Amino acid sequence: MYGGDGSGGAIPGRLAMTISEKTNGQPPGLDIPVGAKLSLEVLGIEEKLSSALVGYAKGKYLVGQLPSLAEGNRDMLFQYLYSGNPVTVRYLKSGAVFGFRCEIIKYLFSPFPLLFMTYPLRVESFNLRRHKRIPCLLPVSAMIKEATYSGLMTDLSLSGCGVGLTIMRKYQPAIGVDDRVLLRCSVFGDQDQNNLHCLIKRAASDVGKLELGLKFTELPEASRQGIVSYIQSAAVILD
């Protein structure tokens, strides 16, 4: 068993597929490092679950850490972790979101809490952009896991934005697809209205910088109007 890259059946949802890994009938290799953060969508559970890759045997199975839910929902979690239940797995790779479909094999509590899943048949890459993005350079602050970082918004659309944060590599937080970010940009509202709630959809680390592609999840009306006005004004100049 080792760590690496993956693939599975076609993945449903709002994301548009851009790449489907072709394997000529052979199981795909998985270019996912051990410990990589995984986002799991288990049929029957509305909440997305967090896990981490423990390893895999190519063409046979992959193993992740057993996810958890709040104390009151644990019984529901195990109710749906039955053999054969479908799972959609997503993860970040080279700054893009990849995903695949598989099925649960079984879960274990001992000697360690682990979740075994079938090895995927195909890996897919997704285009997350539904709206045209425009380039920009706007000062922002981003709160990630209780820490706040400064940086610049580098592109913008009604559905999300790209940001570059100034963080030395050794201080960069461990992040994964669908991790939450609270973004603040005073251009799009006053102090009480400029909070932009986002999910991470792309990440790339460089020396002294962390680049993120973010999707807006909550957009106050004042911020939405500010973004629309900015995009319209910028489009006139850029076009």
C-alpha atoms as a PDB file:
ATOM      1  CA  MET A   1       0.000   0.000   0.000  1.00  0.00           C
ATOM      2  CA  TYR A   2       1.287   3.446  -0.860  1.00  0.00           C
ATOM      3  CA  GLY A   3       0.124   7.013  -1.528  1.00  0.00           C
ATOM      4  CA  GLY A   4      -0.558   8.624  -4.937  1.00  0.00           C
ATOM      5  CA  ASP A   5      -3.324   9.652  -7.652  1.00  0.00           C
ATOM      6  CA  GLY A   6      -6.982   8.453  -8.354  1.00  0.00           C
ATOM      7  CA  SER A   7     -10.021   7.992 -10.663  1.00  0.00           C
ATOM      8  CA  GLY A   8     -13.672   6.989 -10.588  1.00  0.00           C
ATOM      9  CA  GLY A   9     -17.049   7.092 -12.327  1.00  0.00           C
ATOM     10  CA  ALA A  10     -18.556  10.342 -13.624  1.00  0.00           C
ATOM     11  CA  ILE A  11     -19.157  12.796 -10.808  1.00  0.00           C
ATOM     12  CA  PRO A  12     -22.546  14.507 -10.558  1.00  0.00           C
ATOM     13  CA  GLY A  13     -23.101  18.113  -9.505  1.00  0.00           C
ATOM     14  CA  ARG A  14     -22.665  21.663 -10.735  1.00  0.00           C
ATOM     15  CA  LEU A  15     -19.020  21.396 -11.710  1.00  0.00           C
ATOM     16  CA  ALA A  16     -18.238  21.158 -15.411  1.00  0.00           C
ATOM     17  CA  MET A  17     -15.778  18.405 -16.316  1.00  0.00           C
ATOM     18  CA  THR A  18     -12.744  19.582 -18.250  1.00  0.00           C
ATOM     19  CA  ILE A  19     -10.469  16.524 -18.163  1.00  0.00           C
ATOM     20  CA  SER A  20     -11.151  12.823 -17.766  1.00  0.00           C
ATOM     21  CA  GLU A  21      -8.065  10.696 -17.237  1.00  0.00           C
ATOM     22  CA  LYS A  22      -7.872   8.003 -19.922  1.00  0.00           C
ATOM     23  CA  THR A  23      -6.414   4.690 -18.803  1.00  0.00           C
ATOM     24  CA  ASN A  24      -7.316   2.288 -21.659  1.00  0.00           C
ATOM     25  CA  GLY A  25      -9.129   0.006 -19.257  1.00  0.00           C
ATOM     26  CA  GLN A  26      -6.289   0.017 -16.724  1.00  0.00           C
ATOM     27  CA  PRO A  27      -6.761   1.456 -13.218  1.00  0.00           C
ATOM     28  CA  PRO A  28      -5.345   4.987 -13.060  1.00  0.00           C
ATOM     29  CA  GLY A  29      -2.368   5.914 -10.959  1.00  0.00           C
ATOM     30  CA  LEU A  30      -3.109   8.214  -8.026  1.00  0.00           C
ATOM     31  CA  ASP A  31      -0.862  11.234  -7.724  1.00  0.00           C
ATOM     32  CA  ILE A  32      -2.012  12.102  -4.207  1.00  0.00           C
ATOM     33  CA  PRO A  33       0.538  12.211  -1.388  1.00  0.00           C
ATOM     34  CA  VAL A  34      -0.137  10.376   1.846  1.00  0.00           C
ATOM     35  CA  GLY A  35      -1.799  12.787   4.244  1.00  0.00           C
ATOM     36  CA  ALA A  36      -3.489  14.818   1.495  1.00  0.00           C
ATOM     37  CA  LYS A  37      -6.816  16.248   2.600  1.00  0.00           C
ATOM     38  CA  LEU A  38      -9.905  14.624   1.074  1.00  0.00           C
ATOM     39  CA  SER A  39     -13.446  15.979   0.892  1.00  0.00           C
ATOM     40  CA  LEU A  40     -16.021  13.162   0.986  1.00  0.00           C
ATOM     41  CA  GLU A  41     -19.657  13.281  -0.066  1.00  0.00           C
ATOM     42  CA  VAL A  42     -21.363  10.120   1.165  1.00  0.00           C
ATOM     43  CA  LEU A  43     -24.792   9.291  -0.243  1.00  0.00           C
ATOM     44  CA  GLY A  44     -27.381   9.981   2.459  1.00  0.00           C
ATOM     45  CA  ILE A  45     -25.262  12.499   4.414  1.00  0.00           C
ATOM     46  CA  GLU A  46     -25.806  16.152   3.492  1.00  0.00           C
ATOM     47  CA  GLU A  47     -22.677  17.420   5.244  1.00  0.00           C
ATOM     48  CA  LYS A  48     -19.333  17.113   3.460  1.00  0.00           C
ATOM     49  CA  LEU A  49     -16.885  15.033   5.456  1.00  0.00           C
ATOM     50  CA  SER A  50     -13.171  15.632   5.909  1.00  0.00           C
ATOM     51  CA  SER A  51     -10.613  12.863   5.703  1.00  0.00           C
ATOM     52  CA  ALA A  52      -6.953  12.364   4.790  1.00  0.00           C
ATOM     53  CA  LEU A  53      -5.347   9.783   2.536  1.00  0.00           C
ATOM     54  CA  VAL A  54      -3.585   6.973   4.399  1.00  0.00           C
ATOM     55  CA  GLY A  55      -2.628   4.971   1.304  1.00  0.00           C
ATOM     56  CA  TYR A  56      -3.890   2.659  -1.435  1.00  0.00           C
ATOM     57  CA  ALA A  57      -3.286  -0.537  -3.380  1.00  0.00           C
ATOM     58  CA  LYS A  58      -3.583   0.254  -7.077  1.00  0.00           C
ATOM     59  CA  GLY A  59      -6.675  -1.268  -8.641  1.00  0.00           C
ATOM     60  CA  LYS A  60      -7.874  -2.686  -5.310  1.00  0.00           C
ATOM     61  CA  TYR A  61      -8.692  -0.141  -2.612  1.00  0.00           C
ATOM     62  CA  LEU A  62      -7.744   3.145  -0.994  1.00  0.00           C
ATOM     63  CA  VAL A  63      -7.713   4.001   2.688  1.00  0.00           C
ATOM     64  CA  GLY A  64      -8.553   7.267   4.407  1.00  0.00           C
ATOM     65  CA  GLN A  65      -8.878   8.395   7.967  1.00  0.00           C
ATOM     66  CA  LEU A  66     -12.331   7.683   9.346  1.00  0.00           C
ATOM     67  CA  PRO A  67     -14.237  11.003   9.186  1.00  0.00           C
ATOM     68  CA  SER A  68     -16.201  12.320  12.132  1.00  0.00           C
ATOM     69  CA  LEU A  69     -19.352  14.335  12.733  1.00  0.00           C
ATOM     70  CA  ALA A  70     -20.595  16.304  15.705  1.00  0.00           C
ATOM     71  CA  GLU A  71     -21.399  14.169  18.759  1.00  0.00           C
ATOM     72  CA  GLY A  72     -25.134  14.132  18.058  1.00  0.00           C
ATOM     73  CA  ASN A  73     -24.693  12.955  14.454  1.00  0.00           C
ATOM     74  CA  ARG A  74     -22.235  10.083  14.940  1.00  0.00           C
ATOM     75  CA  ASP A  75     -24.891   7.391  14.781  1.00  0.00           C
ATOM     76  CA  MET A  76     -26.106   8.825  11.462  1.00  0.00           C
ATOM     77  CA  LEU A  77     -22.541   8.771  10.108  1.00  0.00           C
ATOM     78  CA  PHE A  78     -22.057   5.057  10.775  1.00  0.00           C
ATOM     79  CA  GLN A  79     -25.533   4.299   9.474  1.00  0.00           C
ATOM     80  CA  TYR A  80     -24.391   5.381   6.003  1.00  0.00           C
ATOM     81  CA  LEU A  81     -20.860   3.978   6.048  1.00  0.00           C
ATOM     82  CA  TYR A  82     -22.083   0.605   4.828  1.00  0.00           C
ATOM     83  CA  SER A  83     -20.454  -1.542   2.147  1.00  0.00           C
ATOM     84  CA  GLY A  84     -21.435  -0.445  -1.359  1.00  0.00           C
ATOM     85  CA  ASN A  85     -22.658   3.054  -0.465  1.00  0.00           C
ATOM     86  CA  PRO A  86     -21.380   5.541  -3.112  1.00  0.00           C
ATOM     87  CA  VAL A  87     -18.852   8.233  -2.207  1.00  0.00           C
ATOM     88  CA  THR A  88     -17.667  11.250  -4.174  1.00  0.00           C
ATOM     89  CA  VAL A  89     -14.072  12.155  -3.288  1.00  0.00           C
ATOM     90  CA  ARG A  90     -12.494  15.507  -4.146  1.00  0.00           C
ATOM     91  CA  TYR A  91      -8.975  16.787  -3.521  1.00  0.00           C
ATOM     92  CA  LEU A  92      -6.513  19.467  -4.565  1.00  0.00           C
ATOM     93  CA  LYS A  93      -3.701  18.593  -6.941  1.00  0.00           C
ATOM     94  CA  SER A  94      -1.321  21.048  -8.628  1.00  0.00           C
ATOM     95  CA  GLY A  95      -3.656  23.916  -7.785  1.00  0.00           C
ATOM     96  CA  ALA A  96      -6.775  22.322  -9.349  1.00  0.00           C
ATOM     97  CA  VAL A  97      -9.694  20.302  -7.995  1.00  0.00           C
ATOM     98  CA  PHE A  98      -9.833  16.632  -8.965  1.00  0.00           C
ATOM     99  CA  GLY A  99     -12.393  14.043  -7.987  1.00  0.00           C
ATOM    100  CA  PHE A 100     -13.725  10.554  -8.492  1.00  0.00           C
ATOM    101  CA  ARG A 101     -16.556   8.220  -7.541  1.00  0.00           C
ATOM    102  CA  CYS A 102     -16.038   5.068  -5.513  1.00  0.00           C
ATOM    103  CA  GLU A 103     -17.846   2.940  -2.936  1.00  0.00           C
ATOM    104  CA  ILE A 104     -17.352   2.174   0.717  1.00  0.00           C
ATOM    105  CA  ILE A 105     -15.859  -1.229   1.529  1.00  0.00           C
ATOM    106  CA  LYS A 106     -15.829  -1.029   5.326  1.00  0.00           C
ATOM    107  CA  TYR A 107     -14.659   1.047   8.270  1.00  0.00           C
ATOM    108  CA  LEU A 108     -12.536   0.096  11.260  1.00  0.00           C
ATOM    109  CA  PHE A 109     -12.073   1.503  14.756  1.00  0.00           C
ATOM    110  CA  SER A 110      -9.154  -0.721  15.725  1.00  0.00           C
ATOM    111  CA  PRO A 111      -6.213  -0.628  15.669  1.00  0.00           C
ATOM    112  CA  PHE A 112      -6.828   2.791  14.035  1.00  0.00           C
ATOM    113  CA  PRO A 113     -10.005   4.528  12.780  1.00  0.00           C
ATOM    114  CA  LEU A 114      -9.867   3.954   9.011  1.00  0.00           C
ATOM    115  CA  LEU A 115     -12.251   4.007   6.053  1.00  0.00           C
ATOM    116  CA  PHE A 116     -11.665   1.567   3.175  1.00  0.00           C
ATOM    117  CA  MET A 117     -13.044   2.494  -0.272  1.00  0.00           C
ATOM    118  CA  THR A 118     -12.973   0.881  -3.690  1.00  0.00           C
ATOM    119  CA  TYR A 119     -10.238   1.995  -6.066  1.00  0.00           C
ATOM    120  CA  PRO A 120     -11.618   4.495  -8.631  1.00  0.00           C
ATOM    121  CA  LEU A 121     -11.955   3.807 -12.334  1.00  0.00           C
ATOM    122  CA  ARG A 122     -11.466   7.374 -13.525  1.00  0.00           C
ATOM    123  CA  VAL A 123     -10.224  10.726 -12.223  1.00  0.00           C
ATOM    124  CA  GLU A 124     -11.850  13.949 -13.367  1.00  0.00           C
ATOM    125  CA  SER A 125     -10.738  17.574 -13.299  1.00  0.00           C
ATOM    126  CA  PHE A 126     -13.281  20.358 -13.042  1.00  0.00           C
ATOM    127  CA  ASN A 127     -13.767  23.867 -14.317  1.00  0.00           C
ATOM    128  CA  LEU A 128     -15.217  25.784 -11.381  1.00  0.00           C
ATOM    129  CA  ARG A 129     -15.787  29.084 -13.150  1.00  0.00           C
ATOM    130  CA  ARG A 130     -19.360  29.889 -14.159  1.00  0.00           C
ATOM    131  CA  HIS A 131     -18.852  33.640 -14.502  1.00  0.00           C
ATOM    132  CA  LYS A 132     -16.301  35.646 -16.424  1.00  0.00           C
ATOM    133  CA  ARG A 133     -13.417  36.782 -14.247  1.00  0.00           C
ATOM    134  CA  ILE A 134     -11.581  40.053 -14.578  1.00  0.00           C
ATOM    135  CA  PRO A 135      -8.037  40.793 -13.378  1.00  0.00           C
ATOM    136  CA  CYS A 136      -7.653  43.155 -10.421  1.00  0.00           C
ATOM    137  CA  LEU A 137      -5.273  44.139  -7.632  1.00  0.00           C
ATOM    138  CA  LEU A 138      -7.249  44.844  -4.468  1.00  0.00           C
ATOM    139  CA  PRO A 139      -5.961  44.646  -0.879  1.00  0.00           C
ATOM    140  CA  VAL A 140      -7.597  41.896   1.194  1.00  0.00           C
ATOM    141  CA  SER A 141      -7.214  40.031   4.454  1.00  0.00           C
ATOM    142  CA  ALA A 142      -8.084  36.359   4.760  1.00  0.00           C
ATOM    143  CA  MET A 143      -8.890  34.422   7.913  1.00  0.00           C
ATOM    144  CA  ILE A 144      -7.947  30.753   7.608  1.00  0.00           C
ATOM    145  CA  LYS A 145      -8.267  28.513  10.650  1.00  0.00           C
ATOM    146  CA  GLU A 146      -8.184  31.347  13.206  1.00  0.00           C
ATOM    147  CA  ALA A 147      -5.152  33.062  11.620  1.00  0.00           C
ATOM    148  CA  THR A 148      -5.382  36.214   9.473  1.00  0.00           C
ATOM    149  CA  TYR A 149      -3.151  36.887   6.455  1.00  0.00           C
ATOM    150  CA  SER A 150      -2.757  39.926   4.197  1.00  0.00           C
ATOM    151  CA  GLY A 151      -2.595  39.867   0.432  1.00  0.00           C
ATOM    152  CA  LEU A 152      -4.123  40.931  -2.865  1.00  0.00           C
ATOM    153  CA  MET A 153      -7.200  39.873  -4.800  1.00  0.00           C
ATOM    154  CA  THR A 154      -5.898  39.126  -8.300  1.00  0.00           C
ATOM    155  CA  ASP A 155      -9.088  38.262 -10.181  1.00  0.00           C
ATOM    156  CA  LEU A 156     -12.802  38.555  -9.521  1.00  0.00           C
ATOM    157  CA  SER A 157     -16.204  37.328 -10.675  1.00  0.00           C
ATOM    158  CA  LEU A 158     -19.675  37.104  -9.136  1.00  0.00           C
ATOM    159  CA  SER A 159     -19.001  33.503  -8.133  1.00  0.00           C
ATOM    160  CA  GLY A 160     -15.513  33.843  -6.656  1.00  0.00           C
ATOM    161  CA  CYS A 161     -12.037  35.298  -6.832  1.00  0.00           C
ATOM    162  CA  GLY A 162      -8.326  34.571  -6.825  1.00  0.00           C
ATOM    163  CA  VAL A 163      -6.099  35.859  -4.042  1.00  0.00           C
ATOM    164  CA  GLY A 164      -2.390  35.867  -3.330  1.00  0.00           C
ATOM    165  CA  LEU A 165      -1.422  35.887   0.343  1.00  0.00           C
ATOM    166  CA  THR A 166       1.986  36.802   1.699  1.00  0.00           C
ATOM    167  CA  ILE A 167       2.968  33.878   3.932  1.00  0.00           C
ATOM    168  CA  MET A 168       6.372  32.282   4.367  1.00  0.00           C
ATOM    169  CA  ARG A 169       6.145  28.641   3.304  1.00  0.00           C
ATOM    170  CA  LYS A 170       6.932  27.244   6.765  1.00  0.00           C
ATOM    171  CA  TYR A 171       4.012  29.241   8.218  1.00  0.00           C
ATOM    172  CA  GLN A 172       1.496  28.367   5.520  1.00  0.00           C
ATOM    173  CA  PRO A 173      -1.575  26.580   6.937  1.00  0.00           C
ATOM    174  CA  ALA A 174      -2.500  23.030   5.956  1.00  0.00           C
ATOM    175  CA  ILE A 175      -5.487  23.469   3.657  1.00  0.00           C
ATOM    176  CA  GLY A 176      -7.690  21.365   1.412  1.00  0.00           C
ATOM    177  CA  VAL A 177     -10.548  21.670  -1.037  1.00  0.00           C
ATOM    178  CA  ASP A 178     -13.720  23.160   0.513  1.00  0.00           C
ATOM    179  CA  ASP A 179     -11.910  24.554   3.560  1.00  0.00           C
ATOM    180  CA  ARG A 180     -13.546  27.801   4.661  1.00  0.00           C
ATOM    181  CA  VAL A 181     -11.992  31.254   4.309  1.00  0.00           C
ATOM    182  CA  LEU A 182     -13.348  34.577   5.573  1.00  0.00           C
ATOM    183  CA  LEU A 183     -12.191  37.242   3.128  1.00  0.00           C
ATOM    184  CA  ARG A 184     -12.363  40.969   3.824  1.00  0.00           C
ATOM    185  CA  CYS A 185     -12.132  43.630   1.100  1.00  0.00           C
ATOM    186  CA  SER A 186     -13.244  47.176   1.933  1.00  0.00           C
ATOM    187  CA  VAL A 187     -13.877  47.994  -1.740  1.00  0.00           C
ATOM    188  CA  PHE A 188     -17.155  46.046  -1.719  1.00  0.00           C
ATOM    189  CA  GLY A 189     -18.864  47.368   1.416  1.00  0.00           C
ATOM    190  CA  ASP A 190     -18.370  49.063   4.748  1.00  0.00           C
ATOM    191  CA  GLN A 191     -16.743  47.391   7.723  1.00  0.00           C
ATOM    192  CA  ASP A 192     -19.834  45.385   8.659  1.00  0.00           C
ATOM    193  CA  GLN A 193     -20.633  44.298   5.100  1.00  0.00           C
ATOM    194  CA  ASN A 194     -17.289  43.475   3.506  1.00  0.00           C
ATOM    195  CA  ASN A 195     -17.030  39.929   4.883  1.00  0.00           C
ATOM    196  CA  LEU A 196     -16.950  37.454   2.001  1.00  0.00           C
ATOM    197  CA  HIS A 197     -17.458  33.832   3.068  1.00  0.00           C
ATOM    198  CA  CYS A 198     -15.595  31.497   0.715  1.00  0.00           C
ATOM    199  CA  LEU A 199     -14.567  27.907   0.065  1.00  0.00           C
ATOM    200  CA  ILE A 200     -11.120  26.980  -1.250  1.00  0.00           C
ATOM    201  CA  LYS A 201     -11.319  25.465  -4.743  1.00  0.00           C
ATOM    202  CA  ARG A 202      -7.699  25.840  -5.855  1.00  0.00           C
ATOM    203  CA  ALA A 203      -4.403  26.304  -4.020  1.00  0.00           C
ATOM    204  CA  ALA A 204      -0.786  26.746  -5.088  1.00  0.00           C
ATOM    205  CA  SER A 205       2.148  27.356  -2.764  1.00  0.00           C
ATOM    206  CA  ASP A 206       5.282  29.296  -3.655  1.00  0.00           C
ATOM    207  CA  VAL A 207       8.161  30.825  -1.722  1.00  0.00           C
ATOM    208  CA  GLY A 208       6.624  33.478   0.511  1.00  0.00           C
ATOM    209  CA  LYS A 209       3.209  33.279  -1.173  1.00  0.00           C
ATOM    210  CA  LEU A 210       0.039  31.199  -1.118  1.00  0.00           C
ATOM    211  CA  GLU A 211      -2.317  31.525  -4.091  1.00  0.00           C
ATOM    212  CA  LEU A 212      -5.958  30.534  -3.644  1.00  0.00           C
ATOM    213  CA  GLY A 213      -8.950  30.191  -5.925  1.00  0.00           C
ATOM    214  CA  LEU A 214     -12.049  30.902  -3.849  1.00  0.00           C
ATOM    215  CA  LYS A 215     -15.773  30.373  -4.360  1.00  0.00           C
ATOM    216  CA  PHE A 216     -18.206  32.733  -2.627  1.00  0.00           C
ATOM    217  CA  THR A 217     -20.757  30.971  -0.420  1.00  0.00           C
ATOM    218  CA  GLU A 218     -22.382  33.989   1.215  1.00  0.00           C
ATOM    219  CA  LEU A 219     -22.479  37.355  -0.541  1.00  0.00           C
ATOM    220  CA  PRO A 220     -24.149  40.281   1.289  1.00  0.00           C
ATOM    221  CA  GLU A 221     -26.269  42.392  -1.042  1.00  0.00           C
ATOM    222  CA  ALA A 222     -24.058  45.463  -0.500  1.00  0.00           C
ATOM    223  CA  SER A 223     -20.983  43.415  -1.414  1.00  0.00           C
ATOM    224  CA  ARG A 224     -22.739  41.883  -4.419  1.00  0.00           C
ATOM    225  CA  GLN A 225     -23.688  45.304  -5.732  1.00  0.00           C
ATOM    226  CA  GLY A 226     -20.148  46.533  -5.137  1.00  0.00           C
ATOM    227  CA  ILE A 227     -18.698  43.583  -7.054  1.00  0.00           C
ATOM    228  CA  VAL A 228     -21.164  44.059  -9.939  1.00  0.00           C
ATOM    229  CA  SER A 229     -20.308  47.758 -10.146  1.00  0.00           C
ATOM    230  CA  TYR A 230     -16.571  47.049 -10.054  1.00  0.00           C
ATOM    231  CA  ILE A 231     -16.785  44.332 -12.727  1.00  0.00           C
ATOM    232  CA  GLN A 232     -18.882  46.520 -15.009  1.00  0.00           C
ATOM    233  CA  SER A 233     -16.513  49.473 -14.666  1.00  0.00           C
ATOM    234  CA  ALA A 234     -13.426  47.322 -15.159  1.00  0.00           C
ATOM    235  CA  ALA A 235     -14.960  45.516 -18.156  1.00  0.00           C
ATOM    236  CA  VAL A 236     -15.384  48.815 -19.987  1.00  0.00           C
ATOM    237  CA  ILE A 237     -11.665  49.512 -19.597  1.00  0.00           C
ATOM    238  CA  LEU A 238     -10.431  45.962 -20.253  1.00  0.00           C
ATOM    239  CA  ASP A 239     -12.673  45.334 -23.246  1.00  0.00           C
END
